């Protein structure tokens, strides 16, 4: 018995060359987008005084001391690490730090809120029983970072260009 496998054919055959030429960059595109999203969350913590506000949360809810030092670590991991992730430099090291951060956010900070996207009340804005701040977004970012930890920077990364990985 001979089993032959064929790749799926595009519905529009003329697009095949386009898909084939861009497919190697899909992973890097996702890495860049995830890094840019993380930078967006870290930037105000570094440049707009957000680390001071975060330190109050870290001391009060998580009992982390010295809270300001931890707040700056989080801010730098998000802003600097997100930038490095976006360009693909030290991808595995940065991804490891981000996986740890997102694991803390998901399992310690937001776990009690659940996955709001799947809550029946989430489709009714203003519903009094709706608890804001589910963990699905942070879980997605953390799992993407876990994939980057396993897979490295990908084809369009500084790591690939210099031929070294951390």
N, C-alpha and C. Protein backbone atom coordinates (compact mmCIF):
# COMPACT_ATOMS: atom_id res chain seq x y z
N UNK A 1 0.83 -1.17 0.00
CA UNK A 1 0.00 0.00 0.00
C UNK A 1 0.89 1.24 0.00
N UNK A 2 0.64 2.12 -0.93
CA UNK A 2 1.41 3.35 -1.05
C UNK A 2 0.53 4.52 -0.63
N UNK A 3 1.09 5.30 0.28
CA UNK A 3 0.37 6.49 0.72
C UNK A 3 1.11 7.71 0.20
N UNK A 4 0.41 8.53 -0.51
CA UNK A 4 1.01 9.75 -1.02
C UNK A 4 0.34 10.93 -0.34
N UNK A 5 1.15 11.88 0.01
CA UNK A 5 0.60 13.08 0.62
C UNK A 5 0.86 14.26 -0.31
N UNK A 6 -0.09 15.10 -0.39
CA UNK A 6 0.07 16.30 -1.21
C UNK A 6 -0.26 17.51 -0.34
N UNK A 7 0.39 18.59 -0.64
CA UNK A 7 0.10 19.83 0.07
C UNK A 7 -1.23 20.38 -0.41
N UNK A 8 -1.95 21.04 0.48
CA UNK A 8 -3.20 21.65 0.04
C UNK A 8 -2.93 22.68 -1.04
N UNK A 9 -3.79 22.70 -2.01
CA UNK A 9 -3.65 23.65 -3.11
C UNK A 9 -4.48 24.89 -2.81
N UNK A 10 -3.96 26.08 -3.13
CA UNK A 10 -4.74 27.29 -2.89
C UNK A 10 -5.97 27.32 -3.79
N UNK A 11 -7.03 27.92 -3.28
CA UNK A 11 -8.23 28.07 -4.10
C UNK A 11 -7.96 28.93 -5.31
N UNK A 12 -7.05 29.87 -5.16
CA UNK A 12 -6.64 30.71 -6.28
C UNK A 12 -5.19 30.34 -6.59
N UNK A 13 -4.97 29.49 -7.59
CA UNK A 13 -3.62 28.98 -7.87
C UNK A 13 -2.57 30.06 -8.10
N UNK A 14 -2.95 31.21 -8.60
CA UNK A 14 -1.98 32.27 -8.86
C UNK A 14 -1.34 32.79 -7.55
N UNK A 15 -1.97 32.54 -6.40
CA UNK A 15 -1.43 33.00 -5.13
C UNK A 15 -0.36 32.08 -4.56
N UNK A 16 -0.18 30.91 -5.16
CA UNK A 16 0.77 29.93 -4.62
C UNK A 16 2.17 30.50 -4.46
N UNK A 17 2.68 31.19 -5.49
CA UNK A 17 4.03 31.76 -5.42
C UNK A 17 4.12 32.80 -4.29
N UNK A 18 3.07 33.58 -4.12
CA UNK A 18 3.02 34.57 -3.05
C UNK A 18 3.09 33.90 -1.69
N UNK A 19 2.27 32.87 -1.49
CA UNK A 19 2.26 32.15 -0.21
C UNK A 19 3.60 31.48 0.07
N UNK A 20 4.17 30.84 -0.90
CA UNK A 20 5.42 30.12 -0.73
C UNK A 20 6.56 31.09 -0.39
N UNK A 21 6.55 32.26 -1.01
CA UNK A 21 7.64 33.21 -0.76
C UNK A 21 7.55 33.84 0.63
N UNK A 22 6.34 33.99 1.18
CA UNK A 22 6.19 34.64 2.48
C UNK A 22 6.07 33.67 3.65
N UNK A 23 5.81 32.42 3.39
CA UNK A 23 5.61 31.44 4.48
C UNK A 23 6.78 31.37 5.47
N UNK A 24 8.04 31.45 5.04
CA UNK A 24 9.13 31.38 6.01
C UNK A 24 9.16 32.54 7.01
N UNK A 25 8.46 33.63 6.69
CA UNK A 25 8.48 34.80 7.56
C UNK A 25 7.26 34.89 8.49
N UNK A 26 6.35 33.95 8.41
CA UNK A 26 5.13 33.99 9.23
C UNK A 26 5.46 33.97 10.72
N UNK A 27 6.35 33.10 11.12
CA UNK A 27 6.76 32.97 12.53
C UNK A 27 7.38 34.28 13.02
N UNK A 28 8.24 34.88 12.21
CA UNK A 28 8.89 36.13 12.59
C UNK A 28 7.89 37.27 12.67
N UNK A 29 6.89 37.26 11.82
CA UNK A 29 5.85 38.28 11.86
C UNK A 29 5.09 38.21 13.18
N UNK A 30 4.75 37.01 13.61
CA UNK A 30 4.06 36.83 14.89
C UNK A 30 4.96 37.28 16.03
N UNK A 31 6.24 36.92 15.98
CA UNK A 31 7.19 37.33 17.01
C UNK A 31 7.27 38.84 17.11
N UNK A 32 7.33 39.52 15.97
CA UNK A 32 7.38 40.98 15.97
C UNK A 32 6.12 41.58 16.58
N UNK A 33 4.96 41.07 16.19
CA UNK A 33 3.69 41.61 16.71
C UNK A 33 3.57 41.40 18.21
N UNK A 34 3.92 40.22 18.70
CA UNK A 34 3.86 39.95 20.15
C UNK A 34 4.83 40.89 20.89
N UNK A 35 6.03 41.06 20.37
CA UNK A 35 6.99 41.96 20.99
C UNK A 35 6.48 43.39 21.02
N UNK A 36 5.87 43.85 19.93
CA UNK A 36 5.34 45.21 19.88
C UNK A 36 4.21 45.41 20.88
N UNK A 37 3.36 44.41 21.05
CA UNK A 37 2.28 44.49 22.03
C UNK A 37 2.85 44.58 23.44
N UNK A 38 3.86 43.79 23.72
CA UNK A 38 4.47 43.81 25.06
C UNK A 38 5.16 45.15 25.32
N UNK A 39 5.83 45.71 24.32
CA UNK A 39 6.47 47.02 24.48
C UNK A 39 5.41 48.06 24.82
N UNK A 40 4.28 47.99 24.16
CA UNK A 40 3.19 48.95 24.41
C UNK A 40 2.75 48.93 25.88
N UNK A 41 2.81 47.78 26.52
CA UNK A 41 2.43 47.69 27.92
C UNK A 41 3.57 48.09 28.87
N UNK A 42 4.80 47.94 28.42
CA UNK A 42 5.95 48.28 29.26
C UNK A 42 6.38 49.73 29.16
N UNK A 43 6.14 50.36 28.01
CA UNK A 43 6.59 51.73 27.78
C UNK A 43 6.12 52.71 28.85
N UNK A 44 4.82 52.74 29.20
CA UNK A 44 4.40 53.70 30.24
C UNK A 44 4.97 53.39 31.62
N UNK A 45 5.30 52.15 31.86
CA UNK A 45 5.89 51.81 33.16
C UNK A 45 7.30 52.39 33.27
N UNK A 46 8.00 52.47 32.16
CA UNK A 46 9.36 52.99 32.16
C UNK A 46 9.38 54.51 32.01
N UNK A 47 8.60 55.04 31.08
CA UNK A 47 8.73 56.45 30.71
C UNK A 47 7.61 57.36 31.22
N UNK A 48 6.56 56.81 31.81
CA UNK A 48 5.45 57.67 32.26
C UNK A 48 5.12 57.45 33.73
N UNK A 49 6.07 56.98 34.50
CA UNK A 49 5.86 56.84 35.93
C UNK A 49 5.02 55.66 36.36
N UNK A 50 4.76 54.74 35.44
CA UNK A 50 3.94 53.59 35.77
C UNK A 50 4.58 52.61 36.73
N UNK A 51 5.90 52.63 36.82
CA UNK A 51 6.58 51.71 37.74
C UNK A 51 6.24 52.04 39.19
N UNK A 52 6.04 53.30 39.49
CA UNK A 52 5.68 53.68 40.86
C UNK A 52 4.30 53.14 41.21
N UNK A 53 3.35 53.25 40.29
CA UNK A 53 2.02 52.70 40.53
C UNK A 53 2.04 51.19 40.64
N UNK A 54 2.83 50.56 39.79
CA UNK A 54 2.96 49.11 39.83
C UNK A 54 3.57 48.65 41.15
N UNK A 55 4.48 49.43 41.69
CA UNK A 55 5.12 49.03 42.94
C UNK A 55 4.11 48.94 44.09
N UNK A 56 3.12 49.84 44.08
CA UNK A 56 2.07 49.77 45.09
C UNK A 56 1.26 48.49 44.98
N UNK A 57 0.97 48.08 43.76
CA UNK A 57 0.24 46.83 43.54
C UNK A 57 1.09 45.63 43.97
N UNK A 58 2.35 45.64 43.61
CA UNK A 58 3.23 44.51 43.94
C UNK A 58 3.40 44.37 45.45
N UNK A 59 3.48 45.50 46.15
CA UNK A 59 3.63 45.44 47.61
C UNK A 59 2.31 45.04 48.28
N UNK A 60 1.21 45.61 47.80
CA UNK A 60 -0.08 45.37 48.44
C UNK A 60 -0.68 44.01 48.15
N UNK A 61 -0.77 43.63 46.88
CA UNK A 61 -1.45 42.38 46.51
C UNK A 61 -0.51 41.18 46.54
N UNK A 62 0.70 41.35 46.03
CA UNK A 62 1.61 40.20 45.90
C UNK A 62 2.63 40.13 47.04
N UNK A 63 2.70 41.15 47.85
CA UNK A 63 3.63 41.19 48.99
C UNK A 63 5.09 41.00 48.55
N UNK A 64 5.44 41.60 47.43
CA UNK A 64 6.81 41.55 46.94
C UNK A 64 7.56 42.77 47.43
N UNK A 65 8.67 42.54 48.07
CA UNK A 65 9.51 43.63 48.56
C UNK A 65 10.95 43.37 48.12
N UNK A 66 11.71 44.35 47.77
CA UNK A 66 11.37 45.75 47.63
C UNK A 66 10.53 45.96 46.36
N UNK A 67 9.34 46.48 46.55
CA UNK A 67 8.35 46.57 45.48
C UNK A 67 8.81 47.44 44.32
N UNK A 68 9.49 48.53 44.60
CA UNK A 68 9.93 49.42 43.51
C UNK A 68 10.97 48.74 42.63
N UNK A 69 11.84 47.96 43.24
CA UNK A 69 12.85 47.22 42.46
C UNK A 69 12.14 46.20 41.55
N UNK A 70 11.17 45.46 42.10
CA UNK A 70 10.43 44.49 41.29
C UNK A 70 9.64 45.19 40.19
N UNK A 71 9.08 46.36 40.49
CA UNK A 71 8.33 47.10 39.48
C UNK A 71 9.24 47.50 38.32
N UNK A 72 10.45 47.94 38.62
CA UNK A 72 11.39 48.30 37.55
C UNK A 72 11.85 47.07 36.77
N UNK A 73 11.98 45.95 37.43
CA UNK A 73 12.34 44.72 36.72
C UNK A 73 11.23 44.36 35.73
N UNK A 74 9.99 44.40 36.19
CA UNK A 74 8.85 44.11 35.31
C UNK A 74 8.81 45.11 34.16
N UNK A 75 8.98 46.40 34.45
CA UNK A 75 8.94 47.43 33.42
C UNK A 75 10.03 47.22 32.37
N UNK A 76 11.23 46.90 32.82
CA UNK A 76 12.33 46.70 31.87
C UNK A 76 12.17 45.40 31.07
N UNK A 77 11.64 44.37 31.72
CA UNK A 77 11.39 43.12 30.98
C UNK A 77 10.36 43.37 29.89
N UNK A 78 9.32 44.13 30.22
CA UNK A 78 8.29 44.40 29.22
C UNK A 78 8.77 45.35 28.13
N UNK A 79 9.34 46.47 28.51
CA UNK A 79 9.74 47.46 27.50
C UNK A 79 11.00 47.03 26.74
N UNK A 80 12.06 46.73 27.47
CA UNK A 80 13.30 46.30 26.81
C UNK A 80 13.19 44.91 26.22
N UNK A 81 12.61 43.99 26.98
CA UNK A 81 12.46 42.62 26.49
C UNK A 81 11.53 42.54 25.30
N UNK A 82 10.45 43.33 25.33
CA UNK A 82 9.54 43.35 24.19
C UNK A 82 10.21 43.87 22.93
N UNK A 83 11.06 44.89 23.11
CA UNK A 83 11.82 45.43 21.97
C UNK A 83 12.78 44.38 21.41
N UNK A 84 13.51 43.71 22.30
CA UNK A 84 14.44 42.67 21.85
C UNK A 84 13.69 41.52 21.18
N UNK A 85 12.52 41.16 21.72
CA UNK A 85 11.72 40.10 21.11
C UNK A 85 11.26 40.52 19.72
N UNK A 86 10.81 41.76 19.58
CA UNK A 86 10.32 42.23 18.28
C UNK A 86 11.40 42.15 17.21
N UNK A 87 12.63 42.51 17.55
CA UNK A 87 13.71 42.46 16.55
C UNK A 87 14.38 41.09 16.48
N UNK A 88 14.10 40.25 17.47
CA UNK A 88 14.67 38.91 17.44
C UNK A 88 16.10 38.82 17.94
N UNK A 89 16.44 39.61 18.95
CA UNK A 89 17.78 39.57 19.54
C UNK A 89 17.68 39.00 20.95
N UNK A 90 18.51 38.02 21.26
CA UNK A 90 18.46 37.30 22.54
C UNK A 90 17.05 36.72 22.77
N UNK A 91 16.46 36.21 21.70
CA UNK A 91 15.06 35.79 21.71
C UNK A 91 14.75 34.77 22.79
N UNK A 92 15.57 33.77 22.93
CA UNK A 92 15.28 32.72 23.92
C UNK A 92 15.40 33.25 25.36
N UNK A 93 16.40 34.04 25.64
CA UNK A 93 16.58 34.59 26.98
C UNK A 93 15.41 35.51 27.35
N UNK A 94 15.07 36.42 26.45
CA UNK A 94 13.96 37.34 26.68
C UNK A 94 12.66 36.58 26.81
N UNK A 95 12.47 35.57 25.99
CA UNK A 95 11.24 34.77 26.05
C UNK A 95 11.12 34.06 27.40
N UNK A 96 12.22 33.58 27.93
CA UNK A 96 12.18 32.92 29.23
C UNK A 96 11.73 33.90 30.32
N UNK A 97 12.26 35.11 30.29
CA UNK A 97 11.86 36.12 31.28
C UNK A 97 10.39 36.47 31.13
N UNK A 98 9.92 36.58 29.89
CA UNK A 98 8.52 36.92 29.65
C UNK A 98 7.58 35.77 30.03
N UNK A 99 8.01 34.55 29.80
CA UNK A 99 7.19 33.39 30.21
C UNK A 99 7.00 33.41 31.72
N UNK A 100 8.05 33.70 32.46
CA UNK A 100 7.95 33.78 33.92
C UNK A 100 6.98 34.90 34.32
N UNK A 101 7.15 36.07 33.71
CA UNK A 101 6.27 37.20 34.04
C UNK A 101 4.81 36.86 33.74
N UNK A 102 4.53 36.31 32.56
CA UNK A 102 3.14 36.01 32.21
C UNK A 102 2.58 34.87 33.05
N UNK A 103 3.41 33.94 33.47
CA UNK A 103 2.93 32.88 34.36
C UNK A 103 2.48 33.47 35.70
N UNK A 104 3.24 34.44 36.22
CA UNK A 104 2.85 35.10 37.46
C UNK A 104 1.54 35.87 37.25
N UNK A 105 1.44 36.59 36.15
CA UNK A 105 0.22 37.37 35.88
C UNK A 105 -0.99 36.44 35.78
N UNK A 106 -0.86 35.35 35.02
CA UNK A 106 -1.99 34.46 34.81
C UNK A 106 -2.36 33.71 36.08
N UNK A 107 -1.39 33.03 36.69
CA UNK A 107 -1.70 32.11 37.78
C UNK A 107 -1.82 32.76 39.15
N UNK A 108 -1.19 33.91 39.35
CA UNK A 108 -1.24 34.53 40.67
C UNK A 108 -2.15 35.76 40.67
N UNK A 109 -2.01 36.62 39.65
CA UNK A 109 -2.76 37.87 39.66
C UNK A 109 -4.18 37.71 39.12
N UNK A 110 -4.35 37.02 37.99
CA UNK A 110 -5.65 37.04 37.31
C UNK A 110 -6.42 35.73 37.32
N UNK A 111 -5.87 34.69 37.87
CA UNK A 111 -6.51 33.36 37.81
C UNK A 111 -7.94 33.38 38.37
N UNK A 112 -8.14 34.08 39.46
CA UNK A 112 -9.47 34.12 40.09
C UNK A 112 -10.52 34.75 39.19
N UNK A 113 -10.12 35.61 38.26
CA UNK A 113 -11.07 36.25 37.35
C UNK A 113 -11.57 35.30 36.26
N UNK A 114 -10.81 34.25 35.98
CA UNK A 114 -11.20 33.31 34.93
C UNK A 114 -10.95 33.86 33.54
N UNK A 115 -11.47 33.11 32.57
CA UNK A 115 -11.34 33.53 31.17
C UNK A 115 -12.61 34.28 30.79
N UNK A 116 -12.56 35.57 30.87
CA UNK A 116 -13.72 36.41 30.66
C UNK A 116 -14.28 36.24 29.25
N UNK A 117 -13.44 35.97 28.28
CA UNK A 117 -13.91 35.82 26.91
C UNK A 117 -14.92 34.69 26.77
N UNK A 118 -14.87 33.70 27.65
CA UNK A 118 -15.78 32.57 27.56
C UNK A 118 -16.93 32.66 28.56
N UNK A 119 -16.97 33.73 29.36
CA UNK A 119 -18.05 33.88 30.33
C UNK A 119 -19.31 34.30 29.59
N UNK A 120 -20.45 33.72 29.92
CA UNK A 120 -21.69 34.07 29.22
C UNK A 120 -22.04 35.55 29.37
N UNK A 121 -21.64 36.17 30.46
CA UNK A 121 -21.96 37.57 30.67
C UNK A 121 -21.02 38.50 29.93
N UNK A 122 -19.94 37.97 29.37
CA UNK A 122 -18.96 38.82 28.70
C UNK A 122 -19.54 39.47 27.45
N UNK A 123 -20.59 38.89 26.87
CA UNK A 123 -21.17 39.46 25.66
C UNK A 123 -22.17 40.56 25.97
N UNK A 124 -22.40 40.82 27.27
CA UNK A 124 -23.34 41.86 27.67
C UNK A 124 -22.58 42.97 28.40
N UNK A 125 -22.12 43.98 27.66
CA UNK A 125 -21.38 45.06 28.32
C UNK A 125 -22.24 45.73 29.39
N UNK A 126 -21.61 46.04 30.50
CA UNK A 126 -22.30 46.71 31.58
C UNK A 126 -23.08 45.78 32.49
N UNK A 127 -23.00 44.50 32.24
CA UNK A 127 -23.70 43.55 33.10
C UNK A 127 -23.07 43.60 34.49
N UNK A 128 -23.88 43.75 35.56
CA UNK A 128 -23.30 43.93 36.89
C UNK A 128 -22.48 42.75 37.39
N UNK A 129 -22.72 41.55 36.91
CA UNK A 129 -21.98 40.39 37.39
C UNK A 129 -20.67 40.17 36.67
N UNK A 130 -20.36 41.00 35.67
CA UNK A 130 -19.16 40.81 34.86
C UNK A 130 -17.94 41.29 35.61
N UNK A 131 -16.96 40.43 35.77
CA UNK A 131 -15.70 40.80 36.40
C UNK A 131 -14.69 41.11 35.31
N UNK A 132 -14.15 42.30 35.32
CA UNK A 132 -13.20 42.71 34.29
C UNK A 132 -11.84 42.09 34.56
N UNK A 133 -11.07 41.90 33.52
CA UNK A 133 -9.69 41.50 33.67
C UNK A 133 -9.44 40.01 33.68
N UNK A 134 -9.97 39.28 32.71
CA UNK A 134 -9.67 37.86 32.61
C UNK A 134 -8.23 37.64 32.20
N UNK A 135 -7.80 36.38 32.23
CA UNK A 135 -6.39 36.09 31.98
C UNK A 135 -6.09 35.61 30.56
N UNK A 136 -7.09 35.58 29.68
CA UNK A 136 -6.86 34.98 28.36
C UNK A 136 -5.81 35.71 27.53
N UNK A 137 -5.77 37.04 27.60
CA UNK A 137 -4.81 37.80 26.81
C UNK A 137 -3.38 37.52 27.26
N UNK A 138 -3.16 37.57 28.56
CA UNK A 138 -1.82 37.31 29.10
C UNK A 138 -1.41 35.86 28.88
N UNK A 139 -2.38 34.95 28.93
CA UNK A 139 -2.07 33.54 28.67
C UNK A 139 -1.63 33.36 27.22
N UNK A 140 -2.31 34.02 26.29
CA UNK A 140 -1.92 33.94 24.88
C UNK A 140 -0.51 34.47 24.67
N UNK A 141 -0.22 35.64 25.23
CA UNK A 141 1.12 36.21 25.08
C UNK A 141 2.18 35.30 25.71
N UNK A 142 1.88 34.76 26.88
CA UNK A 142 2.82 33.85 27.54
C UNK A 142 3.07 32.59 26.74
N UNK A 143 2.03 32.03 26.14
CA UNK A 143 2.21 30.82 25.33
C UNK A 143 2.97 31.13 24.05
N UNK A 144 2.76 32.30 23.47
CA UNK A 144 3.56 32.71 22.31
C UNK A 144 5.03 32.82 22.70
N UNK A 145 5.29 33.42 23.85
CA UNK A 145 6.68 33.54 24.32
C UNK A 145 7.29 32.17 24.60
N UNK A 146 6.48 31.24 25.08
CA UNK A 146 6.97 29.88 25.30
C UNK A 146 7.36 29.25 23.96
N UNK A 147 6.57 29.50 22.92
CA UNK A 147 6.91 29.00 21.58
C UNK A 147 8.22 29.62 21.08
N UNK A 148 8.42 30.92 21.35
CA UNK A 148 9.66 31.57 20.94
C UNK A 148 10.85 31.04 21.74
N UNK A 149 10.63 30.68 23.00
CA UNK A 149 11.68 30.06 23.81
C UNK A 149 12.11 28.75 23.19
N UNK A 150 11.15 27.96 22.73
CA UNK A 150 11.47 26.67 22.09
C UNK A 150 12.03 26.85 20.69
N UNK A 151 11.48 27.81 19.92
CA UNK A 151 11.82 27.92 18.49
C UNK A 151 12.87 28.94 18.13
N UNK A 152 13.24 29.82 19.06
CA UNK A 152 14.23 30.84 18.73
C UNK A 152 13.62 31.98 17.95
N UNK A 153 14.47 32.78 17.35
CA UNK A 153 14.04 34.00 16.68
C UNK A 153 13.39 33.83 15.34
N UNK A 154 13.68 32.75 14.65
CA UNK A 154 13.10 32.56 13.32
C UNK A 154 13.96 33.18 12.23
N UNK A 155 13.45 33.11 11.02
CA UNK A 155 14.21 33.51 9.84
C UNK A 155 14.58 34.99 9.82
N UNK A 156 13.63 35.87 10.10
CA UNK A 156 13.89 37.31 10.05
C UNK A 156 14.14 37.82 11.46
N UNK A 157 15.31 37.51 11.99
CA UNK A 157 15.67 37.96 13.34
C UNK A 157 17.13 38.36 13.36
N UNK A 158 17.48 39.19 14.32
CA UNK A 158 18.88 39.57 14.48
C UNK A 158 19.70 38.35 14.88
N UNK A 159 19.12 37.49 15.72
CA UNK A 159 19.82 36.24 16.09
C UNK A 159 20.23 35.46 14.85
N UNK A 160 19.33 35.36 13.88
CA UNK A 160 19.61 34.63 12.64
C UNK A 160 20.67 35.34 11.82
N UNK A 161 20.60 36.67 11.78
CA UNK A 161 21.55 37.44 10.97
C UNK A 161 22.97 37.32 11.51
N UNK A 162 23.11 37.35 12.85
CA UNK A 162 24.46 37.27 13.40
C UNK A 162 24.91 35.81 13.60
N UNK A 163 24.00 34.88 13.41
CA UNK A 163 24.35 33.47 13.50
C UNK A 163 24.61 32.96 14.90
N UNK A 164 24.05 33.64 15.91
CA UNK A 164 24.24 33.22 17.31
C UNK A 164 22.91 33.32 18.04
N UNK A 165 22.74 32.41 19.01
CA UNK A 165 21.57 32.45 19.89
C UNK A 165 22.08 32.35 21.31
N UNK A 166 21.32 32.93 22.20
CA UNK A 166 21.69 32.87 23.62
C UNK A 166 21.30 31.53 24.18
